[in-house]
Amino acid sequence: MIKRFLITAVLLAPALAPADDFSIAEKIFEARCASCHSLSRTMKMLSDINPQERPPYLKKFLRSHPNKLKDADEDLVIKLLSQPGK
């Protein structure tokens, strides 16, 4: 029984991780960015940029932005804002 549980947990862990990353990224965005930028408005502004092209665009923007993010936080926010279909 425990072996079956562990195997299931190991197989499902990668599928669950991205959702956790996105919820963490949303919290970072709310804490560090939302005072000036709403998430929905930001996503609407990015909708004209292909999701695959967003990471370099966002990295350049965030590096020049006065409200600096830690590298790990920056990567999570870029991942959040680069979701296809958003």
PDB file of N, CA and C in Angstrom:
ATOM      1  N   MET A   1       0.818  -1.193   0.000  1.00  0.00           N
ATOM      2  CA  MET A   1       0.000   0.000   0.000  1.00  0.00           C
ATOM      3  C   MET A   1       0.867   1.265   0.000  1.00  0.00           C
ATOM      4  N   ILE A   2       1.858   1.308   0.881  1.00  0.00           N
ATOM      5  CA  ILE A   2       2.738   2.473   0.960  1.00  0.00           C
ATOM      6  C   ILE A   2       3.552   2.599  -0.325  1.00  0.00           C
ATOM      7  N   LYS A   3       3.991   1.461  -0.861  1.00  0.00           N
ATOM      8  CA  LYS A   3       4.772   1.485  -2.101  1.00  0.00           C
ATOM      9  C   LYS A   3       3.938   2.079  -3.237  1.00  0.00           C
ATOM     10  N   ARG A   4       2.676   1.692  -3.348  1.00  0.00           N
ATOM     11  CA  ARG A   4       1.789   2.215  -4.387  1.00  0.00           C
ATOM     12  C   ARG A   4       1.613   3.725  -4.219  1.00  0.00           C
ATOM     13  N   PHE A   5       1.447   4.170  -2.969  1.00  0.00           N
ATOM     14  CA  PHE A   5       1.301   5.597  -2.682  1.00  0.00           C
ATOM     15  C   PHE A   5       2.548   6.370  -3.106  1.00  0.00           C
ATOM     16  N   LEU A   6       3.724   5.848  -2.753  1.00  0.00           N
ATOM     17  CA  LEU A   6       4.971   6.525  -3.098  1.00  0.00           C
ATOM     18  C   LEU A   6       5.169   6.603  -4.602  1.00  0.00           C
ATOM     19  N   ILE A   7       4.870   5.535  -5.298  1.00  0.00           N
ATOM     20  CA  ILE A   7       4.997   5.541  -6.758  1.00  0.00           C
ATOM     21  C   ILE A   7       4.048   6.562  -7.357  1.00  0.00           C
ATOM     22  N   THR A   8       2.816   6.596  -6.880  1.00  0.00           N
ATOM     23  CA  THR A   8       1.842   7.575  -7.373  1.00  0.00           C
ATOM     24  C   THR A   8       2.311   8.994  -7.082  1.00  0.00           C
ATOM     25  N   ALA A   9       2.822   9.233  -5.883  1.00  0.00           N
ATOM     26  CA  ALA A   9       3.301  10.563  -5.508  1.00  0.00           C
ATOM     27  C   ALA A   9       4.457  11.006  -6.404  1.00  0.00           C
ATOM     28  N   VAL A  10       5.378  10.093  -6.672  1.00  0.00           N
ATOM     29  CA  VAL A  10       6.526  10.415  -7.517  1.00  0.00           C
ATOM     30  C   VAL A  10       6.071  10.723  -8.941  1.00  0.00           C
ATOM     31  N   LEU A  11       5.111   9.967  -9.449  1.00  0.00           N
ATOM     32  CA  LEU A  11       4.630  10.187 -10.811  1.00  0.00           C
ATOM     33  C   LEU A  11       3.822  11.470 -10.937  1.00  0.00           C
ATOM     34  N   LEU A  12       3.089  11.854  -9.906  1.00  0.00           N
ATOM     35  CA  LEU A  12       2.255  13.045  -9.966  1.00  0.00           C
ATOM     36  C   LEU A  12       3.001  14.321  -9.586  1.00  0.00           C
ATOM     37  N   ALA A  13       4.107  14.227  -8.908  1.00  0.00           N
ATOM     38  CA  ALA A  13       4.826  15.411  -8.434  1.00  0.00           C
ATOM     39  C   ALA A  13       5.149  16.401  -9.553  1.00  0.00           C
ATOM     40  N   PRO A  14       5.690  15.962 -10.705  1.00  0.00           N
ATOM     41  CA  PRO A  14       5.974  16.940 -11.759  1.00  0.00           C
ATOM     42  C   PRO A  14       4.713  17.645 -12.272  1.00  0.00           C
ATOM     43  N   ALA A  15       3.603  16.964 -12.299  1.00  0.00           N
ATOM     44  CA  ALA A  15       2.366  17.585 -12.771  1.00  0.00           C
ATOM     45  C   ALA A  15       1.853  18.618 -11.778  1.00  0.00           C
ATOM     46  N   LEU A  16       2.138  18.426 -10.520  1.00  0.00           N
ATOM     47  CA  LEU A  16       1.664  19.360  -9.500  1.00  0.00           C
ATOM     48  C   LEU A  16       2.588  20.553  -9.326  1.00  0.00           C
ATOM     49  N   ALA A  17       3.841  20.404  -9.612  1.00  0.00           N
ATOM     50  CA  ALA A  17       4.805  21.481  -9.383  1.00  0.00           C
ATOM     51  C   ALA A  17       4.484  22.766 -10.140  1.00  0.00           C
ATOM     52  N   PRO A  18       4.147  22.728 -11.430  1.00  0.00           N
ATOM     53  CA  PRO A  18       3.874  23.987 -12.123  1.00  0.00           C
ATOM     54  C   PRO A  18       2.745  24.795 -11.495  1.00  0.00           C
ATOM     55  N   ALA A  19       1.707  24.144 -11.033  1.00  0.00           N
ATOM     56  CA  ALA A  19       0.610  24.876 -10.403  1.00  0.00           C
ATOM     57  C   ALA A  19       1.117  25.583  -9.154  1.00  0.00           C
ATOM     58  N   ASP A  20       1.981  24.913  -8.401  1.00  0.00           N
ATOM     59  CA  ASP A  20       2.565  25.545  -7.220  1.00  0.00           C
ATOM     60  C   ASP A  20       3.420  26.736  -7.623  1.00  0.00           C
ATOM     61  N   ASP A  21       4.213  26.583  -8.686  1.00  0.00           N
ATOM     62  CA  ASP A  21       5.026  27.690  -9.178  1.00  0.00           C
ATOM     63  C   ASP A  21       4.151  28.877  -9.552  1.00  0.00           C
ATOM     64  N   PHE A  22       3.029  28.603 -10.225  1.00  0.00           N
ATOM     65  CA  PHE A  22       2.159  29.686 -10.649  1.00  0.00           C
ATOM     66  C   PHE A  22       1.501  30.374  -9.456  1.00  0.00           C
ATOM     67  N   SER A  23       1.100  29.614  -8.451  1.00  0.00           N
ATOM     68  CA  SER A  23       0.488  30.249  -7.280  1.00  0.00           C
ATOM     69  C   SER A  23       1.524  31.076  -6.521  1.00  0.00           C
ATOM     70  N   ILE A  24       2.749  30.593  -6.442  1.00  0.00           N
ATOM     71  CA  ILE A  24       3.825  31.363  -5.806  1.00  0.00           C
ATOM     72  C   ILE A  24       4.105  32.621  -6.621  1.00  0.00           C
ATOM     73  N   ALA A  25       4.168  32.473  -7.947  1.00  0.00           N
ATOM     74  CA  ALA A  25       4.424  33.620  -8.820  1.00  0.00           C
ATOM     75  C   ALA A  25       3.311  34.660  -8.697  1.00  0.00           C
ATOM     76  N   GLU A  26       2.065  34.211  -8.595  1.00  0.00           N
ATOM     77  CA  GLU A  26       0.951  35.153  -8.420  1.00  0.00           C
ATOM     78  C   GLU A  26       1.090  35.909  -7.104  1.00  0.00           C
ATOM     79  N   LYS A  27       1.515  35.231  -6.056  1.00  0.00           N
ATOM     80  CA  LYS A  27       1.716  35.891  -4.760  1.00  0.00           C
ATOM     81  C   LYS A  27       2.853  36.908  -4.841  1.00  0.00           C
ATOM     82  N   ILE A  28       3.925  36.555  -5.536  1.00  0.00           N
ATOM     83  CA  ILE A  28       5.037  37.490  -5.724  1.00  0.00           C
ATOM     84  C   ILE A  28       4.559  38.703  -6.505  1.00  0.00           C
ATOM     85  N   PHE A  29       3.812  38.451  -7.585  1.00  0.00           N
ATOM     86  CA  PHE A  29       3.296  39.551  -8.407  1.00  0.00           C
ATOM     87  C   PHE A  29       2.414  40.466  -7.562  1.00  0.00           C
ATOM     88  N   GLU A  30       1.516  39.872  -6.790  1.00  0.00           N
ATOM     89  CA  GLU A  30       0.623  40.669  -5.944  1.00  0.00           C
ATOM     90  C   GLU A  30       1.408  41.491  -4.926  1.00  0.00           C
ATOM     91  N   ALA A  31       2.446  40.903  -4.351  1.00  0.00           N
ATOM     92  CA  ALA A  31       3.211  41.593  -3.321  1.00  0.00           C
ATOM     93  C   ALA A  31       4.144  42.665  -3.882  1.00  0.00           C
ATOM     94  N   ARG A  32       4.743  42.407  -5.045  1.00  0.00           N
ATOM     95  CA  ARG A  32       5.792  43.292  -5.541  1.00  0.00           C
ATOM     96  C   ARG A  32       5.400  44.145  -6.735  1.00  0.00           C
ATOM     97  N   CYS A  33       4.356  43.733  -7.466  1.00  0.00           N
ATOM     98  CA  CYS A  33       4.039  44.419  -8.719  1.00  0.00           C
ATOM     99  C   CYS A  33       2.649  45.062  -8.732  1.00  0.00           C
ATOM    100  N   ALA A  34       1.721  44.466  -7.998  1.00  0.00           N
ATOM    101  CA  ALA A  34       0.309  44.842  -8.115  1.00  0.00           C
ATOM    102  C   ALA A  34      -0.008  46.250  -7.625  1.00  0.00           C
ATOM    103  N   SER A  35       0.884  46.863  -6.881  1.00  0.00           N
ATOM    104  CA  SER A  35       0.600  48.231  -6.453  1.00  0.00           C
ATOM    105  C   SER A  35       0.555  49.179  -7.655  1.00  0.00           C
ATOM    106  N   CYS A  36       1.239  48.804  -8.729  1.00  0.00           N
ATOM    107  CA  CYS A  36       1.237  49.625  -9.949  1.00  0.00           C
ATOM    108  C   CYS A  36       0.673  48.904 -11.171  1.00  0.00           C
ATOM    109  N   HIS A  37       0.752  47.566 -11.185  1.00  0.00           N
ATOM    110  CA  HIS A  37       0.369  46.786 -12.365  1.00  0.00           C
ATOM    111  C   HIS A  37      -0.622  45.699 -11.959  1.00  0.00           C
ATOM    112  N   SER A  38      -1.806  45.700 -12.541  1.00  0.00           N
ATOM    113  CA  SER A  38      -2.725  44.591 -12.258  1.00  0.00           C
ATOM    114  C   SER A  38      -2.344  43.412 -13.141  1.00  0.00           C
ATOM    115  N   LEU A  39      -2.535  42.209 -12.627  1.00  0.00           N
ATOM    116  CA  LEU A  39      -2.169  41.012 -13.381  1.00  0.00           C
ATOM    117  C   LEU A  39      -2.988  40.904 -14.665  1.00  0.00           C
ATOM    118  N   SER A  40      -4.281  41.150 -14.575  1.00  0.00           N
ATOM    119  CA  SER A  40      -5.129  41.019 -15.770  1.00  0.00           C
ATOM    120  C   SER A  40      -4.750  42.045 -16.835  1.00  0.00           C
ATOM    121  N   ARG A  41      -4.453  43.259 -16.417  1.00  0.00           N
ATOM    122  CA  ARG A  41      -4.067  44.293 -17.385  1.00  0.00           C
ATOM    123  C   ARG A  41      -2.705  43.975 -18.005  1.00  0.00           C
ATOM    124  N   THR A  42      -1.788  43.476 -17.183  1.00  0.00           N
ATOM    125  CA  THR A  42      -0.469  43.101 -17.678  1.00  0.00           C
ATOM    126  C   THR A  42      -0.595  41.978 -18.705  1.00  0.00           C
ATOM    127  N   MET A  43      -1.415  40.968 -18.399  1.00  0.00           N
ATOM    128  CA  MET A  43      -1.603  39.855 -19.337  1.00  0.00           C
ATOM    129  C   MET A  43      -2.249  40.353 -20.633  1.00  0.00           C
ATOM    130  N   LYS A  44      -3.179  41.291 -20.523  1.00  0.00           N
ATOM    131  CA  LYS A  44      -3.820  41.846 -21.725  1.00  0.00           C
ATOM    132  C   LYS A  44      -2.787  42.581 -22.582  1.00  0.00           C
ATOM    133  N   MET A  45      -1.906  43.341 -21.944  1.00  0.00           N
ATOM    134  CA  MET A  45      -0.869  44.061 -22.689  1.00  0.00           C
ATOM    135  C   MET A  45       0.097  43.093 -23.370  1.00  0.00           C
ATOM    136  N   LEU A  46       0.348  41.948 -22.731  1.00  0.00           N
ATOM    137  CA  LEU A  46       1.274  40.963 -23.296  1.00  0.00           C
ATOM    138  C   LEU A  46       0.631  40.057 -24.335  1.00  0.00           C
ATOM    139  N   SER A  47      -0.667  40.133 -24.493  1.00  0.00           N
ATOM    140  CA  SER A  47      -1.375  39.203 -25.382  1.00  0.00           C
ATOM    141  C   SER A  47      -0.930  39.308 -26.841  1.00  0.00           C
ATOM    142  N   ASP A  48      -0.396  40.458 -27.242  1.00  0.00           N
ATOM    143  CA  ASP A  48       0.082  40.613 -28.623  1.00  0.00           C
ATOM    144  C   ASP A  48       1.461  40.001 -28.848  1.00  0.00           C
ATOM    145  N   ILE A  49       2.121  39.621 -27.760  1.00  0.00           N
ATOM    146  CA  ILE A  49       3.459  39.027 -27.860  1.00  0.00           C
ATOM    147  C   ILE A  49       3.322  37.514 -27.738  1.00  0.00           C
ATOM    148  N   ASN A  50       3.908  36.803 -28.682  1.00  0.00           N
ATOM    149  CA  ASN A  50       3.901  35.344 -28.662  1.00  0.00           C
ATOM    150  C   ASN A  50       4.456  34.853 -27.326  1.00  0.00           C
ATOM    151  N   PRO A  51       3.779  33.888 -26.675  1.00  0.00           N
ATOM    152  CA  PRO A  51       4.251  33.408 -25.371  1.00  0.00           C
ATOM    153  C   PRO A  51       5.716  32.954 -25.359  1.00  0.00           C
ATOM    154  N   GLN A  52       6.212  32.401 -26.477  1.00  0.00           N
ATOM    155  CA  GLN A  52       7.611  31.973 -26.520  1.00  0.00           C
ATOM    156  C   GLN A  52       8.565  33.171 -26.567  1.00  0.00           C
ATOM    157  N   GLU A  53       8.078  34.321 -27.032  1.00  0.00           N
ATOM    158  CA  GLU A  53       8.913  35.512 -27.125  1.00  0.00           C
ATOM    159  C   GLU A  53       8.843  36.386 -25.869  1.00  0.00           C
ATOM    160  N   ARG A  54       7.935  36.057 -24.967  1.00  0.00           N
ATOM    161  CA  ARG A  54       7.765  36.877 -23.769  1.00  0.00           C
ATOM    162  C   ARG A  54       8.938  36.821 -22.795  1.00  0.00           C
ATOM    163  N   PRO A  55       9.544  35.642 -22.530  1.00  0.00           N
ATOM    164  CA  PRO A  55      10.622  35.626 -21.528  1.00  0.00           C
ATOM    165  C   PRO A  55      11.742  36.633 -21.770  1.00  0.00           C
ATOM    166  N   PRO A  56      12.329  36.723 -22.978  1.00  0.00           N
ATOM    167  CA  PRO A  56      13.401  37.720 -23.142  1.00  0.00           C
ATOM    168  C   PRO A  56      12.880  39.159 -23.019  1.00  0.00           C
ATOM    169  N   TYR A  57      11.675  39.395 -23.514  1.00  0.00           N
ATOM    170  CA  TYR A  57      11.065  40.717 -23.410  1.00  0.00           C
ATOM    171  C   TYR A  57      10.870  41.096 -21.940  1.00  0.00           C
ATOM    172  N   LEU A  58      10.305  40.163 -21.170  1.00  0.00           N
ATOM    173  CA  LEU A  58      10.038  40.423 -19.758  1.00  0.00           C
ATOM    174  C   LEU A  58      11.326  40.549 -18.955  1.00  0.00           C
ATOM    175  N   LYS A  59      12.323  39.733 -19.271  1.00  0.00           N
ATOM    176  CA  LYS A  59      13.604  39.806 -18.563  1.00  0.00           C
ATOM    177  C   LYS A  59      14.225  41.185 -18.753  1.00  0.00           C
ATOM    178  N   LYS A  60      14.200  41.673 -19.986  1.00  0.00           N
ATOM    179  CA  LYS A  60      14.751  43.003 -20.275  1.00  0.00           C
ATOM    180  C   LYS A  60      13.967  44.078 -19.517  1.00  0.00           C
ATOM    181  N   PHE A  61      12.637  43.971 -19.535  1.00  0.00           N
ATOM    182  CA  PHE A  61      11.806  44.945 -18.832  1.00  0.00           C
ATOM    183  C   PHE A  61      12.076  44.911 -17.327  1.00  0.00           C
ATOM    184  N   LEU A  62      12.083  43.717 -16.754  1.00  0.00           N
ATOM    185  CA  LEU A  62      12.260  43.601 -15.308  1.00  0.00           C
ATOM    186  C   LEU A  62      13.649  44.034 -14.855  1.00  0.00           C
ATOM    187  N   ARG A  63      14.658  43.805 -15.681  1.00  0.00           N
ATOM    188  CA  ARG A  63      16.021  44.212 -15.316  1.00  0.00           C
ATOM    189  C   ARG A  63      16.148  45.738 -15.295  1.00  0.00           C
ATOM    190  N   SER A  64      15.359  46.428 -16.119  1.00  0.00           N
ATOM    191  CA  SER A  64      15.447  47.887 -16.160  1.00  0.00           C
ATOM    192  C   SER A  64      14.407  48.556 -15.249  1.00  0.00           C
ATOM    193  N   HIS A  65      13.541  47.765 -14.649  1.00  0.00           N
ATOM    194  CA  HIS A  65      12.473  48.305 -13.800  1.00  0.00           C
ATOM    195  C   HIS A  65      13.042  48.711 -12.444  1.00  0.00           C
ATOM    196  N   PRO A  66      12.567  49.841 -11.900  1.00  0.00           N
ATOM    197  CA  PRO A  66      13.103  50.291 -10.620  1.00  0.00           C
ATOM    198  C   PRO A  66      12.790  49.358  -9.439  1.00  0.00           C
ATOM    199  N   ASN A  67      11.702  48.610  -9.506  1.00  0.00           N
ATOM    200  CA  ASN A  67      11.333  47.678  -8.435  1.00  0.00           C
ATOM    201  C   ASN A  67      11.930  46.315  -8.754  1.00  0.00           C
ATOM    202  N   LYS A  68      13.170  46.110  -8.347  1.00  0.00           N
ATOM    203  CA  LYS A  68      13.903  44.877  -8.683  1.00  0.00           C
ATOM    204  C   LYS A  68      13.342  43.666  -7.943  1.00  0.00           C
ATOM    205  N   LEU A  69      13.321  42.536  -8.644  1.00  0.00           N
ATOM    206  CA  LEU A  69      12.941  41.261  -8.060  1.00  0.00           C
ATOM    207  C   LEU A  69      14.195  40.413  -7.880  1.00  0.00           C
ATOM    208  N   LYS A  70      14.176  39.522  -6.922  1.00  0.00           N
ATOM    209  CA  LYS A  70      15.253  38.537  -6.794  1.00  0.00           C
ATOM    210  C   LYS A  70      15.216  37.664  -8.041  1.00  0.00           C
ATOM    211  N   ASP A  71      16.361  37.101  -8.412  1.00  0.00           N
ATOM    212  CA  ASP A  71      16.427  36.296  -9.639  1.00  0.00           C
ATOM    213  C   ASP A  71      15.401  35.163  -9.651  1.00  0.00           C
ATOM    214  N   ALA A  72      15.280  34.438  -8.548  1.00  0.00           N
ATOM    215  CA  ALA A  72      14.324  33.325  -8.495  1.00  0.00           C
ATOM    216  C   ALA A  72      12.889  33.837  -8.622  1.00  0.00           C
ATOM    217  N   ASP A  73      12.590  34.955  -7.978  1.00  0.00           N
ATOM    218  CA  ASP A  73      11.252  35.544  -8.077  1.00  0.00           C
ATOM    219  C   ASP A  73      10.989  36.028  -9.498  1.00  0.00           C
ATOM    220  N   GLU A  74      12.010  36.643 -10.089  1.00  0.00           N
ATOM    221  CA  GLU A  74      11.890  37.123 -11.465  1.00  0.00           C
ATOM    222  C   GLU A  74      11.571  35.971 -12.412  1.00  0.00           C
ATOM    223  N   ASP A  75      12.270  34.859 -12.252  1.00  0.00           N
ATOM    224  CA  ASP A  75      12.036  33.699 -13.115  1.00  0.00           C
ATOM    225  C   ASP A  75      10.609  33.177 -12.972  1.00  0.00           C
ATOM    226  N   LEU A  76      10.099  33.139 -11.743  1.00  0.00           N
ATOM    227  CA  LEU A  76       8.728  32.664 -11.530  1.00  0.00           C
ATOM    228  C   LEU A  76       7.707  33.616 -12.139  1.00  0.00           C
ATOM    229  N   VAL A  77       7.911  34.915 -11.991  1.00  0.00           N
ATOM    230  CA  VAL A  77       6.981  35.899 -12.562  1.00  0.00           C
ATOM    231  C   VAL A  77       7.015  35.824 -14.088  1.00  0.00           C
ATOM    232  N   ILE A  78       8.196  35.660 -14.658  1.00  0.00           N
ATOM    233  CA  ILE A  78       8.300  35.520 -16.114  1.00  0.00           C
ATOM    234  C   ILE A  78       7.567  34.260 -16.577  1.00  0.00           C
ATOM    235  N   LYS A  79       7.721  33.176 -15.839  1.00  0.00           N
ATOM    236  CA  LYS A  79       7.019  31.942 -16.178  1.00  0.00           C
ATOM    237  C   LYS A  79       5.500  32.150 -16.129  1.00  0.00           C
ATOM    238  N   LEU A  80       5.035  32.850 -15.107  1.00  0.00           N
ATOM    239  CA  LEU A  80       3.612  33.152 -14.970  1.00  0.00           C
ATOM    240  C   LEU A  80       3.113  33.973 -16.145  1.00  0.00           C
ATOM    241  N   LEU A  81       3.832  35.019 -16.499  1.00  0.00           N
ATOM    242  CA  LEU A  81       3.397  35.937 -17.548  1.00  0.00           C
ATOM    243  C   LEU A  81       3.620  35.388 -18.951  1.00  0.00           C
ATOM    244  N   SER A  82       4.316  34.265 -19.072  1.00  0.00           N
ATOM    245  CA  SER A  82       4.598  33.671 -20.387  1.00  0.00           C
ATOM    246  C   SER A  82       3.711  32.465 -20.682  1.00  0.00           C
ATOM    247  N   GLN A  83       2.686  32.262 -19.889  1.00  0.00           N
ATOM    248  CA  GLN A  83       1.788  31.136 -20.119  1.00  0.00           C
ATOM    249  C   GLN A  83       1.064  31.297 -21.455  1.00  0.00           C
ATOM    250  N   PRO A  84       1.016  30.245 -22.259  1.00  0.00           N
ATOM    251  CA  PRO A  84       0.219  30.304 -23.494  1.00  0.00           C
ATOM    252  C   PRO A  84      -1.261  30.442 -23.155  1.00  0.00           C
ATOM    253  N   GLY A  85      -1.969  31.161 -23.972  1.00  0.00           N
ATOM    254  CA  GLY A  85      -3.410  31.312 -23.777  1.00  0.00           C
ATOM    255  C   GLY A  85      -3.777  32.285 -22.696  1.00  0.00           C
ATOM    256  N   LYS A  86      -2.820  33.009 -22.185  1.00  0.00           N
ATOM    257  CA  LYS A  86      -3.114  33.988 -21.136  1.00  0.00           C
ATOM    258  C   LYS A  86      -2.945  35.370 -21.683  1.00  0.00           C
TER     259      LYS A  86
END
